[in-house]
Amino acid sequence: MEICTILTGTVEEHAPSYAVKNWVAQFKHGDFSTCDEPRLGRPKTVTTPEIIDQIHELILEDCRISAKSIDEQMGISRERVGSIIPEDLDMRKLSVKWVPKCLNMDQKHQQCQS
């Protein structure tokens, strides 16, 4: 509690929470590491620039392709495809086509015509 009070007085609103007590407990047990320990679970290996480029190519070839078709062709989960397209490619499904999220008025009109 004393360390937390000192930190709050020194750096005010940027002070870490009372969770500092966990650090103190680790230091008392001789663990002076400031790095996170490796965690269980599989690391994200699917969201690589190569995979993102391949998904983008599939969409450019056929803008009406479904996420299900992409995940079957790429061999990755539908959830990962569902996050790569809007987050990494900045695209969304408009009607039945994948389009960039930000279109100007001319591009919107052109999309409606095709």
PDB file of N, CA and C in Angstrom:
ATOM      1  N   MET A   1       0.831  -1.182   0.000  1.00  0.00           N
ATOM      2  CA  MET A   1       0.000   0.000   0.000  1.00  0.00           C
ATOM      3  C   MET A   1       0.877   1.248   0.000  1.00  0.00           C
ATOM      4  N   GLU A   2       1.990   1.162   0.709  1.00  0.00           N
ATOM      5  CA  GLU A   2       2.909   2.302   0.806  1.00  0.00           C
ATOM      6  C   GLU A   2       3.505   2.629  -0.569  1.00  0.00           C
ATOM      7  N   ILE A   3       3.899   1.602  -1.330  1.00  0.00           N
ATOM      8  CA  ILE A   3       4.469   1.810  -2.660  1.00  0.00           C
ATOM      9  C   ILE A   3       3.433   2.427  -3.583  1.00  0.00           C
ATOM     10  N   CYS A   4       2.207   1.943  -3.513  1.00  0.00           N
ATOM     11  CA  CYS A   4       1.131   2.476  -4.349  1.00  0.00           C
ATOM     12  C   CYS A   4       0.897   3.955  -4.047  1.00  0.00           C
ATOM     13  N   THR A   5       0.937   4.326  -2.761  1.00  0.00           N
ATOM     14  CA  THR A   5       0.755   5.727  -2.360  1.00  0.00           C
ATOM     15  C   THR A   5       1.888   6.589  -2.895  1.00  0.00           C
ATOM     16  N   ILE A   6       3.111   6.094  -2.826  1.00  0.00           N
ATOM     17  CA  ILE A   6       4.266   6.860  -3.330  1.00  0.00           C
ATOM     18  C   ILE A   6       4.152   7.053  -4.835  1.00  0.00           C
ATOM     19  N   LEU A   7       3.801   5.988  -5.557  1.00  0.00           N
ATOM     20  CA  LEU A   7       3.653   6.090  -7.011  1.00  0.00           C
ATOM     21  C   LEU A   7       2.537   7.069  -7.383  1.00  0.00           C
ATOM     22  N   THR A   8       1.432   7.008  -6.680  1.00  0.00           N
ATOM     23  CA  THR A   8       0.317   7.909  -6.970  1.00  0.00           C
ATOM     24  C   THR A   8       0.731   9.356  -6.722  1.00  0.00           C
ATOM     25  N   GLY A   9       1.480   9.597  -5.661  1.00  0.00           N
ATOM     26  CA  GLY A   9       1.950  10.953  -5.373  1.00  0.00           C
ATOM     27  C   GLY A   9       2.962  11.456  -6.385  1.00  0.00           C
ATOM     28  N   THR A  10       3.726  10.530  -6.983  1.00  0.00           N
ATOM     29  CA  THR A  10       4.776  10.912  -7.924  1.00  0.00           C
ATOM     30  C   THR A  10       4.245  11.118  -9.342  1.00  0.00           C
ATOM     31  N   VAL A  11       3.508  10.158  -9.846  1.00  0.00           N
ATOM     32  CA  VAL A  11       3.065  10.227 -11.241  1.00  0.00           C
ATOM     33  C   VAL A  11       1.565  10.464 -11.389  1.00  0.00           C
ATOM     34  N   GLU A  12       0.889  10.712 -10.273  1.00  0.00           N
ATOM     35  CA  GLU A  12      -0.527  11.069 -10.214  1.00  0.00           C
ATOM     36  C   GLU A  12      -1.414  10.104 -10.998  1.00  0.00           C
ATOM     37  N   GLU A  13      -2.159  10.605 -12.004  1.00  0.00           N
ATOM     38  CA  GLU A  13      -3.142   9.758 -12.680  1.00  0.00           C
ATOM     39  C   GLU A  13      -2.510   8.670 -13.545  1.00  0.00           C
ATOM     40  N   HIS A  14      -1.214   8.736 -13.793  1.00  0.00           N
ATOM     41  CA  HIS A  14      -0.541   7.721 -14.619  1.00  0.00           C
ATOM     42  C   HIS A  14       0.003   6.571 -13.779  1.00  0.00           C
ATOM     43  N   ALA A  15      -0.266   6.585 -12.500  1.00  0.00           N
ATOM     44  CA  ALA A  15       0.247   5.541 -11.609  1.00  0.00           C
ATOM     45  C   ALA A  15      -0.478   4.230 -11.864  1.00  0.00           C
ATOM     46  N   PRO A  16       0.230   3.111 -11.753  1.00  0.00           N
ATOM     47  CA  PRO A  16      -0.442   1.822 -11.900  1.00  0.00           C
ATOM     48  C   PRO A  16      -1.403   1.609 -10.739  1.00  0.00           C
ATOM     49  N   SER A  17      -2.324   0.699 -10.912  1.00  0.00           N
ATOM     50  CA  SER A  17      -3.325   0.424  -9.887  1.00  0.00           C
ATOM     51  C   SER A  17      -2.687  -0.269  -8.690  1.00  0.00           C
ATOM     52  N   TYR A  18      -3.520  -0.615  -7.751  1.00  0.00           N
ATOM     53  CA  TYR A  18      -3.051  -1.299  -6.547  1.00  0.00           C
ATOM     54  C   TYR A  18      -2.481  -2.675  -6.867  1.00  0.00           C
ATOM     55  N   ALA A  19      -2.540  -3.090  -8.127  1.00  0.00           N
ATOM     56  CA  ALA A  19      -1.973  -4.377  -8.536  1.00  0.00           C
ATOM     57  C   ALA A  19      -0.459  -4.405  -8.346  1.00  0.00           C
ATOM     58  N   VAL A  20       0.119  -3.287  -7.966  1.00  0.00           N
ATOM     59  CA  VAL A  20       1.558  -3.234  -7.665  1.00  0.00           C
ATOM     60  C   VAL A  20       1.885  -4.259  -6.586  1.00  0.00           C
ATOM     61  N   LYS A  21       0.910  -4.594  -5.753  1.00  0.00           N
ATOM     62  CA  LYS A  21       1.145  -5.582  -4.690  1.00  0.00           C
ATOM     63  C   LYS A  21       1.606  -6.918  -5.261  1.00  0.00           C
ATOM     64  N   ASN A  22       1.156  -7.257  -6.481  1.00  0.00           N
ATOM     65  CA  ASN A  22       1.599  -8.508  -7.119  1.00  0.00           C
ATOM     66  C   ASN A  22       3.078  -8.431  -7.472  1.00  0.00           C
ATOM     67  N   TRP A  23       3.518  -7.250  -7.939  1.00  0.00           N
ATOM     68  CA  TRP A  23       4.936  -7.079  -8.265  1.00  0.00           C
ATOM     69  C   TRP A  23       5.786  -7.226  -7.005  1.00  0.00           C
ATOM     70  N   VAL A  24       5.331  -6.603  -5.927  1.00  0.00           N
ATOM     71  CA  VAL A  24       6.073  -6.657  -4.669  1.00  0.00           C
ATOM     72  C   VAL A  24       6.203  -8.102  -4.206  1.00  0.00           C
ATOM     73  N   ALA A  25       5.118  -8.855  -4.303  1.00  0.00           N
ATOM     74  CA  ALA A  25       5.148 -10.259  -3.887  1.00  0.00           C
ATOM     75  C   ALA A  25       6.150 -11.050  -4.729  1.00  0.00           C
ATOM     76  N   GLN A  26       6.189 -10.780  -6.050  1.00  0.00           N
ATOM     77  CA  GLN A  26       7.140 -11.473  -6.912  1.00  0.00           C
ATOM     78  C   GLN A  26       8.578 -11.100  -6.537  1.00  0.00           C
ATOM     79  N   PHE A  27       8.823  -9.828  -6.287  1.00  0.00           N
ATOM     80  CA  PHE A  27      10.172  -9.383  -5.934  1.00  0.00           C
ATOM     81  C   PHE A  27      10.619 -10.015  -4.614  1.00  0.00           C
ATOM     82  N   LYS A  28       9.706 -10.132  -3.668  1.00  0.00           N
ATOM     83  CA  LYS A  28      10.042 -10.742  -2.375  1.00  0.00           C
ATOM     84  C   LYS A  28      10.423 -12.205  -2.527  1.00  0.00           C
ATOM     85  N   HIS A  29       9.862 -12.875  -3.535  1.00  0.00           N
ATOM     86  CA  HIS A  29      10.184 -14.283  -3.782  1.00  0.00           C
ATOM     87  C   HIS A  29      11.395 -14.447  -4.705  1.00  0.00           C
ATOM     88  N   GLY A  30      12.060 -13.335  -5.046  1.00  0.00           N
ATOM     89  CA  GLY A  30      13.273 -13.399  -5.844  1.00  0.00           C
ATOM     90  C   GLY A  30      13.051 -13.349  -7.341  1.00  0.00           C
ATOM     91  N   ASP A  31      11.836 -13.124  -7.785  1.00  0.00           N
ATOM     92  CA  ASP A  31      11.542 -13.041  -9.216  1.00  0.00           C
ATOM     93  C   ASP A  31      11.604 -11.581  -9.638  1.00  0.00           C
ATOM     94  N   PHE A  32      12.736 -11.187 -10.240  1.00  0.00           N
ATOM     95  CA  PHE A  32      12.931  -9.806 -10.656  1.00  0.00           C
ATOM     96  C   PHE A  32      12.699  -9.609 -12.149  1.00  0.00           C
ATOM     97  N   SER A  33      12.079 -10.580 -12.786  1.00  0.00           N
ATOM     98  CA  SER A  33      11.818 -10.506 -14.220  1.00  0.00           C
ATOM     99  C   SER A  33      10.721  -9.486 -14.505  1.00  0.00           C
ATOM    100  N   THR A  34      10.940  -8.692 -15.539  1.00  0.00           N
ATOM    101  CA  THR A  34       9.923  -7.717 -15.944  1.00  0.00           C
ATOM    102  C   THR A  34       9.228  -8.150 -17.230  1.00  0.00           C
ATOM    103  N   CYS A  35       9.566  -9.323 -17.724  1.00  0.00           N
ATOM    104  CA  CYS A  35       8.959  -9.833 -18.952  1.00  0.00           C
ATOM    105  C   CYS A  35       7.832 -10.794 -18.612  1.00  0.00           C
ATOM    106  N   ASP A  36       6.850 -10.877 -19.485  1.00  0.00           N
ATOM    107  CA  ASP A  36       5.765 -11.833 -19.311  1.00  0.00           C
ATOM    108  C   ASP A  36       6.280 -13.236 -19.544  1.00  0.00           C
ATOM    109  N   GLU A  37       5.738 -14.159 -18.791  1.00  0.00           N
ATOM    110  CA  GLU A  37       6.054 -15.566 -18.979  1.00  0.00           C
ATOM    111  C   GLU A  37       5.334 -16.070 -20.224  1.00  0.00           C
ATOM    112  N   PRO A  38       5.891 -17.075 -20.908  1.00  0.00           N
ATOM    113  CA  PRO A  38       5.171 -17.649 -22.045  1.00  0.00           C
ATOM    114  C   PRO A  38       3.819 -18.189 -21.580  1.00  0.00           C
ATOM    115  N   ARG A  39       2.808 -17.969 -22.384  1.00  0.00           N
ATOM    116  CA  ARG A  39       1.462 -18.393 -22.022  1.00  0.00           C
ATOM    117  C   ARG A  39       1.068 -19.642 -22.792  1.00  0.00           C
ATOM    118  N   LEU A  40       0.121 -20.349 -22.209  1.00  0.00           N
ATOM    119  CA  LEU A  40      -0.414 -21.522 -22.879  1.00  0.00           C
ATOM    120  C   LEU A  40      -1.250 -21.085 -24.065  1.00  0.00           C
ATOM    121  N   GLY A  41      -1.455 -21.993 -24.976  1.00  0.00           N
ATOM    122  CA  GLY A  41      -2.291 -21.703 -26.135  1.00  0.00           C
ATOM    123  C   GLY A  41      -1.458 -21.509 -27.378  1.00  0.00           C
ATOM    124  N   ARG A  42      -2.140 -21.562 -28.460  1.00  0.00           N
ATOM    125  CA  ARG A  42      -1.484 -21.451 -29.749  1.00  0.00           C
ATOM    126  C   ARG A  42      -1.297 -19.990 -30.131  1.00  0.00           C
ATOM    127  N   PRO A  43      -0.104 -19.600 -30.566  1.00  0.00           N
ATOM    128  CA  PRO A  43       0.087 -18.210 -30.984  1.00  0.00           C
ATOM    129  C   PRO A  43      -0.638 -17.950 -32.303  1.00  0.00           C
ATOM    130  N   LYS A  44      -0.937 -16.693 -32.546  1.00  0.00           N
ATOM    131  CA  LYS A  44      -1.595 -16.334 -33.797  1.00  0.00           C
ATOM    132  C   LYS A  44      -0.601 -16.509 -34.936  1.00  0.00           C
ATOM    133  N   THR A  45      -0.848 -17.504 -35.777  1.00  0.00           N
ATOM    134  CA  THR A  45       0.043 -17.741 -36.909  1.00  0.00           C
ATOM    135  C   THR A  45      -0.672 -17.511 -38.224  1.00  0.00           C
ATOM    136  N   VAL A  46      -1.976 -17.299 -38.156  1.00  0.00           N
ATOM    137  CA  VAL A  46      -2.768 -17.179 -39.373  1.00  0.00           C
ATOM    138  C   VAL A  46      -2.724 -15.758 -39.927  1.00  0.00           C
ATOM    139  N   THR A  47      -2.706 -14.770 -39.054  1.00  0.00           N
ATOM    140  CA  THR A  47      -2.760 -13.392 -39.509  1.00  0.00           C
ATOM    141  C   THR A  47      -1.353 -12.921 -39.885  1.00  0.00           C
ATOM    142  N   THR A  48      -0.867 -13.420 -40.991  1.00  0.00           N
ATOM    143  CA  THR A  48       0.434 -13.001 -41.505  1.00  0.00           C
ATOM    144  C   THR A  48       0.204 -12.162 -42.755  1.00  0.00           C
ATOM    145  N   PRO A  49       1.162 -11.339 -43.135  1.00  0.00           N
ATOM    146  CA  PRO A  49       0.984 -10.540 -44.352  1.00  0.00           C
ATOM    147  C   PRO A  49       0.706 -11.399 -45.588  1.00  0.00           C
ATOM    148  N   GLU A  50       1.296 -12.591 -45.652  1.00  0.00           N
ATOM    149  CA  GLU A  50       1.076 -13.461 -46.799  1.00  0.00           C
ATOM    150  C   GLU A  50      -0.379 -13.928 -46.869  1.00  0.00           C
ATOM    151  N   ILE A  51      -0.918 -14.351 -45.735  1.00  0.00           N
ATOM    152  CA  ILE A  51      -2.305 -14.807 -45.685  1.00  0.00           C
ATOM    153  C   ILE A  51      -3.249 -13.653 -46.019  1.00  0.00           C
ATOM    154  N   ILE A  52      -2.977 -12.492 -45.464  1.00  0.00           N
ATOM    155  CA  ILE A  52      -3.810 -11.322 -45.734  1.00  0.00           C
ATOM    156  C   ILE A  52      -3.789 -10.990 -47.221  1.00  0.00           C
ATOM    157  N   ASP A  53      -2.612 -11.052 -47.834  1.00  0.00           N
ATOM    158  CA  ASP A  53      -2.501 -10.789 -49.282  1.00  0.00           C
ATOM    159  C   ASP A  53      -3.266 -11.828 -50.098  1.00  0.00           C
ATOM    160  N   GLN A  54      -3.201 -13.100 -49.688  1.00  0.00           N
ATOM    161  CA  GLN A  54      -3.917 -14.151 -50.412  1.00  0.00           C
ATOM    162  C   GLN A  54      -5.432 -13.943 -50.321  1.00  0.00           C
ATOM    163  N   ILE A  55      -5.906 -13.562 -49.141  1.00  0.00           N
ATOM    164  CA  ILE A  55      -7.344 -13.296 -48.987  1.00  0.00           C
ATOM    165  C   ILE A  55      -7.745 -12.096 -49.834  1.00  0.00           C
ATOM    166  N   HIS A  56      -6.905 -11.084 -49.860  1.00  0.00           N
ATOM    167  CA  HIS A  56      -7.188  -9.893 -50.677  1.00  0.00           C
ATOM    168  C   HIS A  56      -7.249 -10.259 -52.157  1.00  0.00           C
ATOM    169  N   GLU A  57      -6.341 -11.107 -52.613  1.00  0.00           N
ATOM    170  CA  GLU A  57      -6.356 -11.554 -54.002  1.00  0.00           C
ATOM    171  C   GLU A  57      -7.646 -12.308 -54.329  1.00  0.00           C
ATOM    172  N   LEU A  58      -8.086 -13.178 -53.412  1.00  0.00           N
ATOM    173  CA  LEU A  58      -9.334 -13.911 -53.633  1.00  0.00           C
ATOM    174  C   LEU A  58     -10.516 -12.955 -53.768  1.00  0.00           C
ATOM    175  N   ILE A  59     -10.531 -11.918 -52.947  1.00  0.00           N
ATOM    176  CA  ILE A  59     -11.620 -10.944 -53.006  1.00  0.00           C
ATOM    177  C   ILE A  59     -11.544 -10.130 -54.290  1.00  0.00           C
ATOM    178  N   LEU A  60     -10.325  -9.783 -54.725  1.00  0.00           N
ATOM    179  CA  LEU A  60     -10.182  -9.023 -55.965  1.00  0.00           C
ATOM    180  C   LEU A  60     -10.614  -9.855 -57.178  1.00  0.00           C
ATOM    181  N   GLU A  61     -10.339 -11.164 -57.146  1.00  0.00           N
ATOM    182  CA  GLU A  61     -10.760 -12.042 -58.238  1.00  0.00           C
ATOM    183  C   GLU A  61     -12.280 -12.158 -58.311  1.00  0.00           C
ATOM    184  N   ASP A  62     -12.917 -12.251 -57.149  1.00  0.00           N
ATOM    185  CA  ASP A  62     -14.375 -12.394 -57.102  1.00  0.00           C
ATOM    186  C   ASP A  62     -14.888 -11.646 -55.884  1.00  0.00           C
ATOM    187  N   CYS A  63     -15.407 -10.431 -56.111  1.00  0.00           N
ATOM    188  CA  CYS A  63     -15.854  -9.603 -54.990  1.00  0.00           C
ATOM    189  C   CYS A  63     -17.111 -10.159 -54.329  1.00  0.00           C
ATOM    190  N   ARG A  64     -17.735 -11.167 -54.925  1.00  0.00           N
ATOM    191  CA  ARG A  64     -18.926 -11.781 -54.342  1.00  0.00           C
ATOM    192  C   ARG A  64     -18.603 -13.057 -53.569  1.00  0.00           C
ATOM    193  N   ILE A  65     -17.336 -13.356 -53.378  1.00  0.00           N
ATOM    194  CA  ILE A  65     -16.927 -14.569 -52.680  1.00  0.00           C
ATOM    195  C   ILE A  65     -17.390 -14.507 -51.230  1.00  0.00           C
ATOM    196  N   SER A  66     -17.789 -15.617 -50.683  1.00  0.00           N
ATOM    197  CA  SER A  66     -18.258 -15.650 -49.294  1.00  0.00           C
ATOM    198  C   SER A  66     -17.095 -15.951 -48.355  1.00  0.00           C
ATOM    199  N   ALA A  67     -17.272 -15.564 -47.110  1.00  0.00           N
ATOM    200  CA  ALA A  67     -16.259 -15.858 -46.099  1.00  0.00           C
ATOM    201  C   ALA A  67     -16.103 -17.369 -45.938  1.00  0.00           C
ATOM    202  N   LYS A  68     -17.197 -18.103 -46.085  1.00  0.00           N
ATOM    203  CA  LYS A  68     -17.144 -19.562 -45.996  1.00  0.00           C
ATOM    204  C   LYS A  68     -16.262 -20.141 -47.092  1.00  0.00           C
ATOM    205  N   SER A  69     -16.407 -19.617 -48.297  1.00  0.00           N
ATOM    206  CA  SER A  69     -15.591 -20.090 -49.411  1.00  0.00           C
ATOM    207  C   SER A  69     -14.117 -19.751 -49.188  1.00  0.00           C
ATOM    208  N   ILE A  70     -13.859 -18.565 -48.638  1.00  0.00           N
ATOM    209  CA  ILE A  70     -12.472 -18.160 -48.366  1.00  0.00           C
ATOM    210  C   ILE A  70     -11.859 -19.081 -47.329  1.00  0.00           C
ATOM    211  N   ASP A  71     -12.592 -19.353 -46.241  1.00  0.00           N
ATOM    212  CA  ASP A  71     -11.996 -20.201 -45.208  1.00  0.00           C
ATOM    213  C   ASP A  71     -11.766 -21.630 -45.696  1.00  0.00           C
ATOM    214  N   GLU A  72     -12.636 -22.123 -46.598  1.00  0.00           N
ATOM    215  CA  GLU A  72     -12.428 -23.462 -47.158  1.00  0.00           C
ATOM    216  C   GLU A  72     -11.206 -23.496 -48.071  1.00  0.00           C
ATOM    217  N   GLN A  73     -11.027 -22.456 -48.883  1.00  0.00           N
ATOM    218  CA  GLN A  73      -9.888 -22.415 -49.799  1.00  0.00           C
ATOM    219  C   GLN A  73      -8.576 -22.199 -49.060  1.00  0.00           C
ATOM    220  N   MET A  74      -8.613 -21.373 -48.002  1.00  0.00           N
ATOM    221  CA  MET A  74      -7.384 -21.041 -47.283  1.00  0.00           C
ATOM    222  C   MET A  74      -7.062 -22.041 -46.179  1.00  0.00           C
ATOM    223  N   GLY A  75      -8.073 -22.777 -45.725  1.00  0.00           N
ATOM    224  CA  GLY A  75      -7.851 -23.735 -44.646  1.00  0.00           C
ATOM    225  C   GLY A  75      -7.689 -23.081 -43.289  1.00  0.00           C
ATOM    226  N   ILE A  76      -8.351 -21.946 -43.088  1.00  0.00           N
ATOM    227  CA  ILE A  76      -8.309 -21.269 -41.794  1.00  0.00           C
ATOM    228  C   ILE A  76      -9.737 -21.095 -41.291  1.00  0.00           C
ATOM    229  N   SER A  77      -9.878 -20.723 -40.037  1.00  0.00           N
ATOM    230  CA  SER A  77     -11.211 -20.638 -39.445  1.00  0.00           C
ATOM    231  C   SER A  77     -12.003 -19.456 -40.004  1.00  0.00           C
ATOM    232  N   ARG A  78     -13.310 -19.616 -39.971  1.00  0.00           N
ATOM    233  CA  ARG A  78     -14.193 -18.560 -40.456  1.00  0.00           C
ATOM    234  C   ARG A  78     -14.082 -17.323 -39.558  1.00  0.00           C
ATOM    235  N   GLU A  79     -13.856 -17.542 -38.263  1.00  0.00           N
ATOM    236  CA  GLU A  79     -13.696 -16.411 -37.347  1.00  0.00           C
ATOM    237  C   GLU A  79     -12.481 -15.568 -37.717  1.00  0.00           C
ATOM    238  N   ARG A  80     -11.388 -16.238 -38.091  1.00  0.00           N
ATOM    239  CA  ARG A  80     -10.175 -15.507 -38.460  1.00  0.00           C
ATOM    240  C   ARG A  80     -10.410 -14.747 -39.761  1.00  0.00           C
ATOM    241  N   VAL A  81     -11.065 -15.375 -40.735  1.00  0.00           N
ATOM    242  CA  VAL A  81     -11.401 -14.688 -41.987  1.00  0.00           C
ATOM    243  C   VAL A  81     -12.295 -13.495 -41.676  1.00  0.00           C
ATOM    244  N   GLY A  82     -13.259 -13.711 -40.755  1.00  0.00           N
ATOM    245  CA  GLY A  82     -14.185 -12.658 -40.382  1.00  0.00           C
ATOM    246  C   GLY A  82     -13.537 -11.492 -39.669  1.00  0.00           C
ATOM    247  N   SER A  83     -12.350 -11.680 -39.132  1.00  0.00           N
ATOM    248  CA  SER A  83     -11.652 -10.553 -38.513  1.00  0.00           C
ATOM    249  C   SER A  83     -10.604  -9.952 -39.450  1.00  0.00           C
ATOM    250  N   ILE A  84     -10.006 -10.762 -40.323  1.00  0.00           N
ATOM    251  CA  ILE A  84      -9.002 -10.245 -41.257  1.00  0.00           C
ATOM    252  C   ILE A  84      -9.623  -9.263 -42.243  1.00  0.00           C
ATOM    253  N   ILE A  85     -10.789  -9.610 -42.795  1.00  0.00           N
ATOM    254  CA  ILE A  85     -11.387  -8.770 -43.837  1.00  0.00           C
ATOM    255  C   ILE A  85     -11.718  -7.367 -43.315  1.00  0.00           C
ATOM    256  N   PRO A  86     -12.461  -7.220 -42.226  1.00  0.00           N
ATOM    257  CA  PRO A  86     -12.768  -5.846 -41.798  1.00  0.00           C
ATOM    258  C   PRO A  86     -11.613  -5.134 -41.106  1.00  0.00           C
ATOM    259  N   GLU A  87     -10.784  -5.855 -40.356  1.00  0.00           N
ATOM    260  CA  GLU A  87      -9.725  -5.201 -39.586  1.00  0.00           C
ATOM    261  C   GLU A  87      -8.467  -4.940 -40.406  1.00  0.00           C
ATOM    262  N   ASP A  88      -7.991  -5.951 -41.128  1.00  0.00           N
ATOM    263  CA  ASP A  88      -6.728  -5.810 -41.847  1.00  0.00           C
ATOM    264  C   ASP A  88      -6.916  -5.285 -43.268  1.00  0.00           C
ATOM    265  N   LEU A  89      -7.982  -5.697 -43.918  1.00  0.00           N
ATOM    266  CA  LEU A  89      -8.230  -5.247 -45.289  1.00  0.00           C
ATOM    267  C   LEU A  89      -9.150  -4.027 -45.331  1.00  0.00           C
ATOM    268  N   ASP A  90      -9.760  -3.689 -44.202  1.00  0.00           N
ATOM    269  CA  ASP A  90     -10.653  -2.538 -44.084  1.00  0.00           C
ATOM    270  C   ASP A  90     -11.772  -2.604 -45.121  1.00  0.00           C
ATOM    271  N   MET A  91     -12.410  -3.781 -45.221  1.00  0.00           N
ATOM    272  CA  MET A  91     -13.497  -3.991 -46.168  1.00  0.00           C
ATOM    273  C   MET A  91     -14.732  -4.467 -45.417  1.00  0.00           C
ATOM    274  N   ARG A  92     -15.882  -4.319 -46.073  1.00  0.00           N
ATOM    275  CA  ARG A  92     -17.132  -4.819 -45.509  1.00  0.00           C
ATOM    276  C   ARG A  92     -17.989  -5.367 -46.629  1.00  0.00           C
ATOM    277  N   LYS A  93     -18.976  -6.143 -46.250  1.00  0.00           N
ATOM    278  CA  LYS A  93     -19.897  -6.737 -47.218  1.00  0.00           C
ATOM    279  C   LYS A  93     -21.021  -5.736 -47.450  1.00  0.00           C
ATOM    280  N   LEU A  94     -21.192  -5.326 -48.696  1.00  0.00           N
ATOM    281  CA  LEU A  94     -22.261  -4.416 -49.078  1.00  0.00           C
ATOM    282  C   LEU A  94     -23.103  -5.146 -50.100  1.00  0.00           C
ATOM    283  N   SER A  95     -24.327  -5.425 -49.737  1.00  0.00           N
ATOM    284  CA  SER A  95     -25.198  -6.263 -50.534  1.00  0.00           C
ATOM    285  C   SER A  95     -24.541  -7.643 -50.602  1.00  0.00           C
ATOM    286  N   VAL A  96     -23.988  -8.036 -51.723  1.00  0.00           N
ATOM    287  CA  VAL A  96     -23.309  -9.331 -51.801  1.00  0.00           C
ATOM    288  C   VAL A  96     -21.841  -9.175 -52.168  1.00  0.00           C
ATOM    289  N   LYS A  97     -21.342  -7.940 -52.190  1.00  0.00           N
ATOM    290  CA  LYS A  97     -19.958  -7.689 -52.610  1.00  0.00           C
ATOM    291  C   LYS A  97     -19.111  -7.207 -51.444  1.00  0.00           C
ATOM    292  N   TRP A  98     -17.834  -7.569 -51.487  1.00  0.00           N
ATOM    293  CA  TRP A  98     -16.863  -7.001 -50.555  1.00  0.00           C
ATOM    294  C   TRP A  98     -16.392  -5.682 -51.143  1.00  0.00           C
ATOM    295  N   VAL A  99     -16.493  -4.609 -50.376  1.00  0.00           N
ATOM    296  CA  VAL A  99     -16.070  -3.289 -50.842  1.00  0.00           C
ATOM    297  C   VAL A  99     -15.266  -2.610 -49.732  1.00  0.00           C
ATOM    298  N   PRO A 100     -14.396  -1.669 -50.114  1.00  0.00           N
ATOM    299  CA  PRO A 100     -13.694  -0.899 -49.072  1.00  0.00           C
ATOM    300  C   PRO A 100     -14.697  -0.155 -48.205  1.00  0.00           C
ATOM    301  N   LYS A 101     -14.360   0.059 -46.938  1.00  0.00           N
ATOM    302  CA  LYS A 101     -15.288   0.705 -46.020  1.00  0.00           C
ATOM    303  C   LYS A 101     -15.580   2.145 -46.410  1.00  0.00           C
ATOM    304  N   CYS A 102     -14.591   2.864 -46.914  1.00  0.00           N
ATOM    305  CA  CYS A 102     -14.778   4.277 -47.241  1.00  0.00           C
ATOM    306  C   CYS A 102     -14.783   4.463 -48.754  1.00  0.00           C
ATOM    307  N   LEU A 103     -15.943   4.741 -49.299  1.00  0.00           N
ATOM    308  CA  LEU A 103     -16.072   5.007 -50.727  1.00  0.00           C
ATOM    309  C   LEU A 103     -16.561   6.435 -50.914  1.00  0.00           C
ATOM    310  N   ASN A 104     -16.072   7.098 -51.976  1.00  0.00           N
ATOM    311  CA  ASN A 104     -16.639   8.407 -52.283  1.00  0.00           C
ATOM    312  C   ASN A 104     -17.932   8.205 -53.069  1.00  0.00           C
ATOM    313  N   MET A 105     -18.646   9.278 -53.347  1.00  0.00           N
ATOM    314  CA  MET A 105     -19.964   9.169 -53.985  1.00  0.00           C
ATOM    315  C   MET A 105     -19.887   8.519 -55.371  1.00  0.00           C
ATOM    316  N   ASP A 106     -18.847   8.835 -56.156  1.00  0.00           N
ATOM    317  CA  ASP A 106     -18.697   8.231 -57.482  1.00  0.00           C
ATOM    318  C   ASP A 106     -18.485   6.722 -57.377  1.00  0.00           C
ATOM    319  N   GLN A 107     -17.654   6.312 -56.444  1.00  0.00           N
ATOM    320  CA  GLN A 107     -17.398   4.889 -56.260  1.00  0.00           C
ATOM    321  C   GLN A 107     -18.656   4.159 -55.792  1.00  0.00           C
ATOM    322  N   LYS A 108     -19.436   4.784 -54.912  1.00  0.00           N
ATOM    323  CA  LYS A 108     -20.686   4.174 -54.463  1.00  0.00           C
ATOM    324  C   LYS A 108     -21.650   3.996 -55.627  1.00  0.00           C
ATOM    325  N   HIS A 109     -21.739   4.995 -56.479  1.00  0.00           N
ATOM    326  CA  HIS A 109     -22.619   4.906 -57.638  1.00  0.00           C
ATOM    327  C   HIS A 109     -22.147   3.811 -58.585  1.00  0.00           C
ATOM    328  N   GLN A 110     -20.827   3.736 -58.802  1.00  0.00           N
ATOM    329  CA  GLN A 110     -20.260   2.712 -59.676  1.00  0.00           C
ATOM    330  C   GLN A 110     -20.525   1.317 -59.108  1.00  0.00           C
ATOM    331  N   GLN A 111     -20.422   1.138 -57.797  1.00  0.00           N
ATOM    332  CA  GLN A 111     -20.696  -0.154 -57.173  1.00  0.00           C
ATOM    333  C   GLN A 111     -22.148  -0.551 -57.387  1.00  0.00           C
ATOM    334  N   CYS A 112     -23.046   0.416 -57.320  1.00  0.00           N
ATOM    335  CA  CYS A 112     -24.480   0.116 -57.504  1.00  0.00           C
ATOM    336  C   CYS A 112     -24.777  -0.280 -58.943  1.00  0.00           C
ATOM    337  N   GLN A 113     -24.021   0.260 -59.893  1.00  0.00           N
ATOM    338  CA  GLN A 113     -24.267  -0.031 -61.312  1.00  0.00           C
ATOM    339  C   GLN A 113     -23.748  -1.409 -61.709  1.00  0.00           C
ATOM    340  N   SER A 114     -22.700  -1.899 -61.040  1.00  0.00           N
ATOM    341  CA  SER A 114     -22.111  -3.183 -61.457  1.00  0.00           C
ATOM    342  C   SER A 114     -22.700  -4.355 -60.723  1.00  0.00           C
TER     343      SER A 114
END
